Protein backbone atom coordinates (compact mmCIF):
# COMPACT_ATOMS: atom_id res chain seq x y z
CA MET A 1 -5.22 -72.12 4.45
CA SER A 2 -5.26 -68.32 4.68
CA ASN A 3 -6.39 -66.04 7.48
CA SER A 4 -7.11 -62.28 7.13
CA VAL A 5 -6.57 -59.64 9.81
CA ASN A 6 -6.49 -55.84 9.86
CA ILE A 7 -3.29 -53.94 10.64
CA HIS A 8 -4.33 -53.01 14.20
CA GLU A 9 -5.11 -56.65 15.02
CA ALA A 10 -1.81 -57.76 13.43
CA LYS A 11 0.16 -55.31 15.60
CA THR A 12 -1.75 -56.31 18.73
CA HIS A 13 -1.44 -60.07 18.19
CA LEU A 14 1.82 -60.39 16.25
CA SER A 15 3.20 -63.18 18.45
CA ARG A 16 0.04 -65.28 17.95
CA LEU A 17 0.11 -64.65 14.19
CA ILE A 18 3.75 -65.75 14.01
CA GLU A 19 2.92 -68.96 15.88
CA ARG A 20 0.11 -69.71 13.41
CA VAL A 21 2.36 -68.95 10.43
CA ALA A 22 5.10 -71.16 11.86
CA ALA A 23 2.49 -73.95 11.98
CA GLY A 24 1.88 -73.48 8.24
CA GLU A 25 -1.02 -71.01 8.07
CA ASP A 26 -0.68 -67.95 5.80
CA THR A 27 -2.04 -64.61 7.04
CA VAL A 28 -3.18 -61.70 4.88
CA ILE A 29 -2.85 -58.26 6.51
CA ALA A 30 -5.40 -55.72 5.31
CA ARG A 31 -5.88 -51.96 5.60
CA ALA A 32 -9.50 -50.81 5.38
CA GLY A 33 -10.45 -54.27 4.11
CA ARG A 34 -7.92 -54.22 1.25
CA PRO A 35 -5.03 -56.74 1.38
CA VAL A 36 -1.63 -55.03 1.65
CA ALA A 37 0.72 -57.80 2.83
CA ARG A 38 0.98 -61.53 3.30
CA LEU A 39 2.72 -63.18 6.24
CA ILE A 40 4.08 -66.59 5.24
CA GLN A 41 6.34 -69.19 6.77
CA PHE A 42 10.06 -68.65 6.11
CA ARG A 43 11.72 -71.57 4.38
CA THR A 44 15.41 -71.94 3.78
CA ARG A 45 16.54 -73.13 0.37
CA THR A 46 16.98 -76.89 0.38
CA THR A 47 19.05 -77.05 -2.78
CA PRO A 48 22.02 -74.83 -3.55
CA ARG A 49 21.77 -72.25 -6.35
CA VAL A 50 23.30 -73.31 -9.63
CA PRO A 51 25.04 -70.37 -11.34
CA GLY A 52 24.37 -70.11 -15.06
CA GLN A 53 21.26 -72.26 -15.24
CA TRP A 54 19.50 -69.55 -17.33
CA ARG A 55 22.42 -69.36 -19.79
CA ASP A 56 21.26 -69.23 -23.42
CA GLN A 57 17.63 -68.73 -22.32
CA ILE A 58 17.72 -64.96 -21.77
CA VAL A 59 18.71 -62.42 -24.40
CA ILE A 60 19.61 -58.82 -23.58
CA ALA A 61 19.21 -56.44 -26.51
CA PRO A 62 22.42 -54.64 -27.52
CA ASP A 63 20.72 -51.25 -26.96
CA PHE A 64 19.01 -52.10 -23.65
CA ASP A 65 20.65 -49.15 -21.91
CA ALA A 66 20.27 -46.62 -24.75
CA VAL A 67 18.75 -43.30 -23.71
CA ASN A 68 15.68 -42.00 -25.49
CA ASP A 69 16.38 -38.28 -26.08
CA GLU A 70 12.67 -37.41 -26.22
CA ILE A 71 12.02 -38.88 -22.78
CA THR A 72 15.15 -37.24 -21.34
CA THR A 73 14.14 -33.84 -22.73
CA ASP A 74 10.56 -34.19 -21.42
CA SER A 75 11.67 -35.10 -17.91
CA GLU A 76 14.21 -32.25 -17.78
CA ALA A 77 11.55 -29.75 -18.92
CA SER A 78 9.12 -30.91 -16.23
CA GLY A 79 11.74 -30.55 -13.49
CA GLU A 80 11.96 -34.22 -12.54
């Protein structure tokens, strides 16, 4: 279940929001009616990470860090 509050209300009632989130309710924080953040219950990992479980499933191209001279020249010319 999700609840929506504006930023002012979230700042004013943060302790109450945290209690509700701790009980399992998600809260969406909005600015001018537009969602900007979601407050959710923190959960610790129940199973340990297994290093290497993505091995042989991800491929990195040999030229992944090659520089495109055209982009470099354009950004230098624009002063970025």
